[in-house]
Amino acid sequence: MVFLIDGISYLVWLDPHHNLTASAGSGGINKYPAGLSLYEPQEETIYQLNDRINYLHEELKPRKNT
């Protein structure tokens, strides 16, 4: 429930079990890993493409005959 009083919004948690904190019988605290930012998947793609470009540059270099 959200109340707006004098331009300030107040969020009220209505939980029938009153589990506002980790208490006995609440199942404990659930911790989840942080999600990726919008840029992290793009950066990974850029690194993979740069590796591929470097590999192809090496393939195009003339080889010395011994």
Protein backbone atom coordinates (compact mmCIF):
# COMPACT_ATOMS: atom_id res chain seq x y z
CA MET A 1 0.00 0.00 0.00
CA VAL A 2 1.33 3.45 -0.84
CA PHE A 3 0.27 6.64 0.89
CA LEU A 4 1.03 10.18 -0.24
CA ILE A 5 1.23 12.66 2.64
CA ASP A 6 2.50 16.22 2.09
CA GLY A 7 4.18 15.21 -1.16
CA ILE A 8 6.04 12.28 0.45
CA SER A 9 5.13 8.73 -0.55
CA TYR A 10 5.11 6.07 2.16
CA LEU A 11 5.21 2.38 1.27
CA VAL A 12 3.52 0.11 3.81
CA TRP A 13 4.32 -3.61 3.69
CA LEU A 14 1.24 -5.65 4.46
CA ASP A 15 2.53 -9.15 5.15
CA PRO A 16 0.16 -11.55 6.88
CA HIS A 17 3.13 -13.35 8.47
CA HIS A 18 4.90 -10.12 9.53
CA ASN A 19 8.13 -11.23 7.85
CA LEU A 20 9.59 -7.77 7.54
CA THR A 21 12.96 -9.21 8.53
CA ALA A 22 14.47 -12.69 8.48
CA SER A 23 12.80 -14.34 11.45
CA ALA A 24 12.33 -17.91 12.59
CA GLY A 25 10.17 -19.79 10.13
CA SER A 26 10.54 -17.23 7.34
CA GLY A 27 12.86 -19.43 5.31
CA GLY A 28 15.91 -17.21 5.77
CA ILE A 29 17.44 -14.61 3.54
CA ASN A 30 17.55 -15.29 -0.19
CA LYS A 31 20.68 -13.90 -1.82
CA TYR A 32 20.94 -13.67 -5.58
CA PRO A 33 23.94 -12.72 -7.72
CA ALA A 34 23.85 -9.25 -9.19
CA GLY A 35 22.56 -9.11 -12.74
CA LEU A 36 24.63 -8.00 -15.67
CA SER A 37 24.50 -4.39 -16.72
CA LEU A 38 23.36 -3.58 -20.25
CA TYR A 39 26.98 -3.12 -21.31
CA GLU A 40 28.57 -6.30 -19.92
CA PRO A 41 27.16 -8.68 -22.57
CA GLN A 42 28.19 -6.18 -25.26
CA GLU A 43 31.71 -5.94 -23.85
CA GLU A 44 32.01 -9.74 -23.89
CA THR A 45 30.98 -9.77 -27.54
CA ILE A 46 33.54 -7.06 -28.33
CA TYR A 47 36.32 -9.06 -26.62
CA GLN A 48 35.39 -12.19 -28.56
CA LEU A 49 35.33 -10.31 -31.85
CA ASN A 50 38.69 -8.67 -31.11
CA ASP A 51 40.18 -12.09 -30.40
CA ARG A 52 38.80 -13.33 -33.72
CA ILE A 53 40.19 -10.29 -35.56
CA ASN A 54 43.65 -10.82 -34.02
CA TYR A 55 43.55 -14.49 -34.97
CA LEU A 56 42.65 -13.65 -38.56
CA HIS A 57 45.39 -11.01 -38.74
CA GLU A 58 47.89 -13.66 -37.71
CA GLU A 59 46.54 -16.00 -40.37
CA LEU A 60 46.98 -13.34 -43.07
CA LYS A 61 50.62 -12.59 -42.23
CA PRO A 62 53.03 -14.06 -44.75
CA ARG A 63 54.81 -17.12 -43.44
CA LYS A 64 58.56 -17.49 -43.70
CA ASN A 65 59.73 -20.54 -45.61
CA THR A 66 62.51 -22.33 -43.78
